[in-house]
Amino acid sequence: MKLKPKITIADHFAVMSDPRVDRTKLHKLIDILTIAICAVICGADSWVAIELYGCTKYEWLKTFLELPNGIPSHDTFARVFAQLNPQQFQECFLNWMKSIQKITLGEVVAIDGKTLCGSHDKSSGQSAIQMVSAWATTNRLVLGQVKVDEKSNEITAIPELLKVLELSGCIVTIDAIGCQKEIVKLITQQNADYVITLKKNQGNLYDSVEELFKLGISTSFKEFQHSTYKTEETGHGRHEIRNYVMLSGIQSRLDPDSVWSKFSSIGMVESVRQVDGKTTVETRYFISSLEDNVKQFANGVRSHWGIENSLHWVLDVALKEDDCRIRKDNAPQNFAVMRQIAVNLLGKEKRVKRGIKNKQFLAAMDNNYLERVLALA
């Protein structure tokens, strides 16, 4: 039986409010959204490319869209997405992702920010937009994203993202900017654990953790509940050894007033790298709610970089996000959502063993393949 993508997109985006006045509604909003999402999945990265995709695929699109006045122009796509409410568009995306995600117990959810370099517009004084995303590292899904307010930073955006995610049973990992009491509290309120990088932005806590590890090392950790783990990797001219140490049951020493929610352990990672005959040593510290499970801690630390390698890299290299010059009003944020949709759906399609860029090319050529990708939702 032939699959039809109309249910996939329309069911999740039909609730979008139309920002246009009635006299300008030559095209149905759901038609505009559907064409744009299909086009981005197929590799379109501009309004002109989306219009060209629509014109090329008109006969196929007509089988499930009304298209009362044909394919919208690129100017129409640009105007509509510049006016669309980005919060509502994001909510539709979140609801769609919740319907397809299967988060397993212990899933590492990495949260990190990314700048959309091409959204910077010097002529209008518009700064480059920053987005904070949540990435399920095992299931390889974008769970959600939030725009960072222009006059703020990721510290204010991360709580907004945490509030709309379902994280029960997950391990949330965040870089040092997320080492904030309110962020930790929001994570544990969702019955989730955390592994968060600790740097000198938390001066007193950082110094105390560093001193505690120094004391432990000098006494062979005899006074501490501790566990260790070691990994070793060789490849691409690099040899790296990582030594993981986890100290549990330390809240009474470091946080006697319990100002950090479920503060159960601290971790240290010592990375010894040999590249071209040169050896470097780096030591990093973490706070965590995990209890005496150093392998789980190590997995959280290593998995966190999946958001860089498997999401941000794909967005930049395959979907050319940093090269995108869409800048007007809400359009950059809304286009970013469509790229996230493309990453999720193309990533979930497992029958074709190719990278996302080649899957986009195949979807553009083969309507049946695109229908299968859309039907994954």
Protein backbone atom coordinates (compact mmCIF):
# COMPACT_ATOMS: atom_id res chain seq x y z
CA MET A 1 0.00 0.00 0.00
CA LYS A 2 1.40 3.39 -0.95
CA LEU A 3 2.27 5.63 2.00
CA LYS A 4 0.94 9.18 2.08
CA PRO A 5 2.92 11.93 3.84
CA LYS A 6 -0.12 14.19 4.28
CA ILE A 7 -1.03 12.62 7.65
CA THR A 8 2.49 12.99 8.98
CA ILE A 9 2.80 16.74 8.51
CA ALA A 10 -0.78 17.98 8.58
CA ASP A 11 -1.66 16.29 11.86
CA HIS A 12 1.15 18.05 13.70
CA PHE A 13 1.15 21.47 12.02
CA ALA A 14 -2.52 22.04 11.19
CA VAL A 15 -2.93 23.88 14.51
CA MET A 16 -0.52 26.63 13.42
CA SER A 17 -2.02 30.12 13.44
CA ASP A 18 -1.94 31.82 10.06
CA PRO A 19 -0.25 35.25 10.41
CA ARG A 20 -1.54 36.55 7.08
CA VAL A 21 -4.52 38.80 6.49
CA ASP A 22 -7.35 37.11 4.60
CA ARG A 23 -6.91 39.02 1.33
CA THR A 24 -3.35 37.69 0.97
CA LYS A 25 -4.20 34.03 1.52
CA LEU A 26 -3.79 32.71 -2.01
CA HIS A 27 -2.22 29.52 -0.67
CA LYS A 28 -3.24 27.33 2.25
CA LEU A 29 -0.87 27.53 5.20
CA ILE A 30 -0.61 23.75 5.56
CA ASP A 31 0.37 23.53 1.87
CA ILE A 32 3.15 26.08 2.41
CA LEU A 33 4.42 24.25 5.49
CA THR A 34 4.28 20.83 3.84
CA ILE A 35 6.12 21.90 0.70
CA ALA A 36 8.81 23.65 2.76
CA ILE A 37 9.38 20.71 5.10
CA CYS A 38 9.55 18.23 2.20
CA ALA A 39 11.94 20.52 0.35
CA VAL A 40 14.29 20.93 3.31
CA ILE A 41 14.33 17.16 3.84
CA CYS A 42 15.39 16.92 0.20
CA GLY A 43 18.21 19.44 0.62
CA ALA A 44 16.65 22.85 -0.13
CA ASP A 45 18.45 25.60 1.78
CA SER A 46 16.77 28.77 0.50
CA TRP A 47 13.32 30.07 -0.39
CA VAL A 48 14.17 29.97 -4.10
CA ALA A 49 15.21 26.31 -3.75
CA ILE A 50 11.95 25.53 -1.93
CA GLU A 51 9.91 27.14 -4.72
CA LEU A 52 11.91 25.24 -7.33
CA TYR A 53 11.33 21.99 -5.46
CA GLY A 54 7.59 22.69 -5.33
CA CYS A 55 7.38 23.45 -9.04
CA THR A 56 9.39 20.34 -9.94
CA LYS A 57 7.30 18.09 -7.69
CA TYR A 58 3.96 19.75 -8.44
CA GLU A 59 2.24 16.64 -9.82
CA TRP A 60 3.27 14.54 -6.81
CA LEU A 61 2.39 17.26 -4.29
CA LYS A 62 -1.01 17.68 -5.95
CA THR A 63 -1.89 14.09 -5.01
CA PHE A 64 -2.24 15.08 -1.34
CA LEU A 65 -2.27 18.90 -1.19
CA GLU A 66 -5.01 21.22 -2.48
CA LEU A 67 -2.70 23.83 -4.05
CA PRO A 68 -5.64 26.04 -5.16
CA ASN A 69 -3.31 28.58 -6.80
CA GLY A 70 -0.37 26.39 -7.69
CA ILE A 71 3.01 26.52 -5.98
CA PRO A 72 3.70 29.61 -3.82
CA SER A 73 6.51 31.91 -4.92
CA HIS A 74 9.77 32.16 -3.01
CA ASP A 75 8.66 35.59 -1.77
CA THR A 76 5.54 34.00 -0.29
CA PHE A 77 7.56 31.34 1.52
CA ALA A 78 9.89 34.04 2.85
CA ARG A 79 7.05 36.28 4.09
CA VAL A 80 5.10 33.48 5.75
CA PHE A 81 8.05 31.98 7.62
CA ALA A 82 9.22 35.43 8.69
CA GLN A 83 5.80 36.00 10.30
CA LEU A 84 5.09 32.52 11.71
CA ASN A 85 5.07 32.35 15.50
CA PRO A 86 8.34 30.54 16.27
CA GLN A 87 7.15 29.34 19.69
CA GLN A 88 4.08 27.73 18.16
CA PHE A 89 6.14 26.23 15.33
CA GLN A 90 8.55 24.85 17.92
CA GLU A 91 5.68 23.36 19.95
CA CYS A 92 4.40 21.56 16.86
CA PHE A 93 7.91 20.22 16.26
CA LEU A 94 8.18 19.06 19.89
CA ASN A 95 4.83 17.28 19.73
CA TRP A 96 5.91 15.58 16.51
CA MET A 97 9.19 14.42 18.04
CA LYS A 98 7.44 13.15 21.19
CA SER A 99 5.24 11.01 18.96
CA ILE A 100 8.23 9.27 17.34
CA GLN A 101 10.85 9.15 20.06
CA LYS A 102 11.41 6.07 22.19
CA ILE A 103 13.69 7.20 24.98
CA THR A 104 15.22 4.26 26.79
CA LEU A 105 16.18 4.13 30.46
CA GLY A 106 19.61 5.67 30.95
CA GLU A 107 19.52 7.57 27.64
CA VAL A 108 22.12 10.35 27.63
CA VAL A 109 20.52 13.65 26.60
CA ALA A 110 23.17 16.20 25.67
CA ILE A 111 22.24 19.88 25.82
CA ASP A 112 24.40 22.40 24.01
CA GLY A 113 24.19 25.67 22.11
CA LYS A 114 25.04 26.52 18.51
CA THR A 115 25.32 29.83 16.69
CA LEU A 116 23.65 30.21 13.29
CA CYS A 117 26.51 32.16 11.77
CA GLY A 118 24.68 33.09 8.57
CA SER A 119 21.83 34.76 10.48
CA HIS A 120 24.10 37.70 11.35
CA ASP A 121 23.06 40.82 9.43
CA LYS A 122 25.50 43.70 9.81
CA SER A 123 23.36 46.14 7.81
CA SER A 124 20.44 45.86 10.22
CA GLY A 125 22.52 45.36 13.35
CA GLN A 126 21.12 41.88 13.89
CA SER A 127 23.38 39.56 15.85
CA ALA A 128 23.77 35.92 14.89
CA ILE A 129 21.04 33.77 16.41
CA GLN A 130 21.96 31.16 19.01
CA MET A 131 19.94 27.99 19.49
CA VAL A 132 20.14 25.51 22.38
CA SER A 133 19.30 21.93 21.42
CA ALA A 134 18.70 18.67 23.28
CA TRP A 135 20.13 15.57 21.57
CA ALA A 136 19.31 11.96 22.51
CA THR A 137 22.72 10.42 21.92
CA THR A 138 21.68 6.77 21.63
CA ASN A 139 18.48 7.26 19.64
CA ARG A 140 20.13 10.08 17.66
CA LEU A 141 17.15 12.40 17.80
CA VAL A 142 16.78 16.12 18.34
CA LEU A 143 14.31 16.28 21.22
CA GLY A 144 13.83 20.03 21.11
CA GLN A 145 15.47 23.41 20.74
CA VAL A 146 15.06 26.94 22.07
CA LYS A 147 16.33 30.26 20.78
CA VAL A 148 18.65 32.18 23.10
CA ASP A 149 17.32 35.65 23.79
CA GLU A 150 19.46 38.27 22.05
CA LYS A 151 20.14 40.10 25.32
CA SER A 152 20.85 36.96 27.34
CA ASN A 153 22.79 33.70 27.06
CA GLU A 154 22.36 29.93 27.28
CA ILE A 155 21.85 30.07 31.06
CA THR A 156 18.36 31.48 30.52
CA ALA A 157 17.54 29.32 27.48
CA ILE A 158 18.45 25.94 29.00
CA PRO A 159 15.71 26.09 31.69
CA GLU A 160 13.13 26.94 29.03
CA LEU A 161 14.20 23.90 27.04
CA LEU A 162 14.21 21.60 30.08
CA LYS A 163 10.64 22.59 30.90
CA VAL A 164 9.28 21.25 27.59
CA LEU A 165 11.25 17.98 27.50
CA GLU A 166 10.31 14.60 28.93
CA LEU A 167 13.46 13.40 30.67
CA SER A 168 12.39 10.79 33.21
CA GLY A 169 15.06 8.08 33.48
CA CYS A 170 17.56 10.00 31.33
CA ILE A 171 21.02 11.33 32.12
CA VAL A 172 21.30 15.00 31.13
CA THR A 173 24.77 16.27 30.23
CA ILE A 174 25.63 19.97 29.92
CA ASP A 175 28.83 21.93 29.53
CA ALA A 176 30.03 24.28 32.29
CA ILE A 177 27.58 27.06 31.41
CA GLY A 178 24.80 24.77 32.66
CA CYS A 179 26.39 24.36 36.09
CA GLN A 180 23.64 26.34 37.81
CA LYS A 181 21.56 25.40 40.85
CA GLU A 182 18.25 26.15 39.14
CA ILE A 183 19.15 24.04 36.09
CA VAL A 184 20.16 21.09 38.29
CA LYS A 185 16.88 21.42 40.20
CA LEU A 186 14.81 21.36 37.00
CA ILE A 187 16.58 18.19 35.85
CA THR A 188 16.01 16.28 39.08
CA GLN A 189 12.38 17.44 39.27
CA GLN A 190 11.86 15.43 36.08
CA ASN A 191 13.26 12.30 37.75
CA ALA A 192 16.39 12.52 35.63
CA ASP A 193 20.10 12.41 36.50
CA TYR A 194 22.80 14.83 35.47
CA VAL A 195 26.50 14.99 34.64
CA ILE A 196 27.60 18.62 34.34
CA THR A 197 31.03 20.02 33.61
CA LEU A 198 32.53 22.04 36.43
CA LYS A 199 34.81 24.95 35.65
CA LYS A 200 36.02 28.02 37.46
CA ASN A 201 32.76 29.86 36.82
CA GLN A 202 31.72 28.08 40.03
CA GLY A 203 34.81 29.26 41.89
CA ASN A 204 34.31 27.97 45.43
CA LEU A 205 32.81 24.67 44.32
CA TYR A 206 35.52 24.14 41.71
CA ASP A 207 38.29 24.80 44.23
CA SER A 208 36.69 22.45 46.77
CA VAL A 209 36.32 19.65 44.23
CA GLU A 210 39.88 20.08 43.02
CA GLU A 211 41.20 19.97 46.60
CA LEU A 212 39.13 16.88 47.39
CA PHE A 213 40.60 15.01 44.43
CA LYS A 214 44.12 16.10 45.37
CA LEU A 215 43.54 14.78 48.89
CA GLY A 216 42.15 11.54 47.51
CA ILE A 217 45.09 11.03 45.16
CA SER A 218 47.60 11.68 47.97
CA THR A 219 45.92 9.04 50.20
CA SER A 220 45.07 6.57 47.43
CA PHE A 221 41.40 7.43 48.09
CA LYS A 222 41.41 5.44 51.35
CA GLU A 223 38.93 7.83 52.97
CA PHE A 224 36.56 7.95 50.03
CA GLN A 225 33.92 5.82 48.38
CA HIS A 226 35.43 5.76 44.92
CA SER A 227 35.55 3.86 41.65
CA THR A 228 37.82 4.09 38.62
CA TYR A 229 37.65 3.27 34.94
CA LYS A 230 40.12 3.53 32.06
CA THR A 231 39.78 3.70 28.29
CA GLU A 232 42.45 3.71 25.61
CA GLU A 233 42.09 4.65 21.96
CA THR A 234 44.50 4.72 19.05
CA GLY A 235 43.80 6.07 15.59
CA HIS A 236 44.49 8.85 13.07
CA GLY A 237 47.96 9.37 14.50
CA ARG A 238 46.66 9.87 18.01
CA HIS A 239 46.94 7.76 21.15
CA GLU A 240 44.68 8.75 24.05
CA ILE A 241 44.24 7.32 27.51
CA ARG A 242 41.36 8.50 29.69
CA ASN A 243 41.33 7.83 33.41
CA TYR A 244 37.96 8.30 35.08
CA VAL A 245 37.61 8.65 38.86
CA MET A 246 34.28 8.99 40.65
CA LEU A 247 33.86 9.95 44.31
CA SER A 248 30.43 9.18 45.74
CA GLY A 249 28.70 10.19 48.96
CA ILE A 250 30.34 13.61 49.02
CA GLN A 251 27.34 15.94 49.49
CA SER A 252 27.98 16.32 53.22
CA ARG A 253 31.53 17.50 52.46
CA LEU A 254 30.85 19.80 49.52
CA ASP A 255 27.21 20.80 49.93
CA PRO A 256 26.14 20.43 53.58
CA ASP A 257 23.19 22.79 53.08
CA SER A 258 21.93 20.83 50.06
CA VAL A 259 21.73 23.84 47.77
CA TRP A 260 22.51 21.55 44.80
CA SER A 261 19.67 19.11 44.12
CA LYS A 262 20.59 15.42 44.41
CA PHE A 263 24.33 16.19 44.46
CA SER A 264 25.63 12.63 44.88
CA SER A 265 29.07 12.47 43.30
CA ILE A 266 31.94 14.26 41.63
CA GLY A 267 33.98 13.01 38.73
CA MET A 268 37.43 13.60 37.32
CA VAL A 269 38.64 12.78 33.84
CA GLU A 270 42.35 12.83 33.09
CA SER A 271 43.04 12.70 29.36
CA VAL A 272 46.57 11.86 28.23
CA ARG A 273 47.03 12.46 24.50
CA GLN A 274 50.00 11.65 22.31
CA VAL A 275 49.94 13.32 18.89
CA ASP A 276 53.00 13.48 16.62
CA GLY A 277 55.28 12.61 19.49
CA LYS A 278 53.90 15.33 21.76
CA THR A 279 52.09 14.47 25.01
CA THR A 280 49.42 16.67 26.58
CA VAL A 281 47.49 16.11 29.80
CA GLU A 282 44.07 17.62 30.50
CA THR A 283 42.06 17.28 33.71
CA ARG A 284 38.32 18.02 33.88
CA TYR A 285 35.90 17.93 36.80
CA PHE A 286 32.17 17.19 36.91
CA ILE A 287 29.29 17.22 39.37
CA SER A 288 26.67 14.49 39.14
CA SER A 289 23.60 12.91 40.67
CA LEU A 290 24.85 9.43 39.72
CA GLU A 291 25.86 7.18 42.59
CA ASP A 292 28.97 4.99 42.47
CA ASN A 293 28.71 4.02 38.80
CA VAL A 294 31.89 5.18 37.13
CA LYS A 295 31.14 3.43 33.82
CA GLN A 296 27.83 5.25 33.58
CA PHE A 297 29.62 8.50 34.41
CA ALA A 298 32.24 7.81 31.74
CA ASN A 299 29.54 7.04 29.18
CA GLY A 300 27.81 10.32 29.98
CA VAL A 301 31.02 12.32 29.54
CA ARG A 302 31.91 10.61 26.26
CA SER A 303 28.37 10.65 24.88
CA HIS A 304 28.00 14.38 25.41
CA TRP A 305 30.23 15.08 22.43
CA GLY A 306 27.73 13.27 20.23
CA ILE A 307 25.79 16.52 19.95
CA GLU A 308 28.84 18.09 18.28
CA ASN A 309 29.77 15.15 16.07
CA SER A 310 26.33 13.81 15.18
CA LEU A 311 24.17 16.95 15.21
CA HIS A 312 26.11 20.20 14.88
CA TRP A 313 28.53 18.70 12.36
CA VAL A 314 25.66 17.31 10.28
CA LEU A 315 23.82 20.65 10.39
CA ASP A 316 26.92 22.49 9.17
CA VAL A 317 28.36 20.01 6.67
CA ALA A 318 25.29 18.25 5.25
CA LEU A 319 22.61 20.92 5.70
CA LYS A 320 24.94 23.95 5.33
CA GLU A 321 23.38 25.72 8.31
CA ASP A 322 26.26 28.15 8.82
CA ASP A 323 26.11 29.19 5.16
CA CYS A 324 22.39 29.92 5.23
CA ARG A 325 21.63 33.63 4.64
CA ILE A 326 18.01 33.56 5.78
CA ARG A 327 17.86 36.43 8.27
CA LYS A 328 14.51 38.23 8.31
CA ASP A 329 12.41 38.30 11.50
CA ASN A 330 11.35 34.80 12.65
CA ALA A 331 12.54 33.04 9.49
CA PRO A 332 15.99 31.88 10.75
CA GLN A 333 14.48 30.27 13.85
CA ASN A 334 11.69 28.59 11.90
CA PHE A 335 14.07 27.35 9.21
CA ALA A 336 16.26 25.88 11.96
CA VAL A 337 13.27 23.83 13.12
CA MET A 338 12.82 22.41 9.62
CA ARG A 339 16.48 21.39 9.54
CA GLN A 340 16.00 19.59 12.86
CA ILE A 341 13.02 17.74 11.40
CA ALA A 342 15.17 16.68 8.43
CA VAL A 343 17.96 15.43 10.71
CA ASN A 344 15.53 13.39 12.81
CA LEU A 345 13.56 11.76 10.02
CA LEU A 346 16.52 11.03 7.76
CA GLY A 347 18.44 9.68 10.74
CA LYS A 348 15.60 7.33 11.68
CA GLU A 349 15.47 5.86 8.18
CA LYS A 350 17.81 2.85 8.46
CA ARG A 351 17.18 0.86 5.28
CA VAL A 352 19.46 3.02 3.16
CA LYS A 353 22.98 2.81 4.56
CA ARG A 354 24.17 6.24 3.49
CA GLY A 355 24.93 9.58 5.14
CA ILE A 356 22.25 12.23 5.53
CA LYS A 357 23.47 14.23 2.51
CA ASN A 358 23.05 11.22 0.22
CA LYS A 359 19.69 10.40 1.81
CA GLN A 360 18.57 13.95 0.97
CA PHE A 361 19.66 13.43 -2.63
CA LEU A 362 17.74 10.16 -2.80
CA ALA A 363 14.62 11.72 -1.28
CA ALA A 364 14.76 14.51 -3.86
CA MET A 365 14.92 11.98 -6.72
CA ASP A 366 12.60 9.27 -5.39
CA ASN A 367 9.14 10.26 -4.11
CA ASN A 368 8.58 6.75 -2.75
CA TYR A 369 11.68 7.05 -0.59
CA LEU A 370 10.58 10.48 0.69
CA GLU A 371 7.18 9.02 1.56
CA ARG A 372 8.90 6.28 3.54
CA VAL A 373 11.00 8.88 5.41
CA LEU A 374 7.90 10.92 6.25
CA ALA A 375 5.98 7.83 7.28
CA LEU A 376 8.53 7.15 10.04
CA ALA A 377 6.68 9.69 12.13
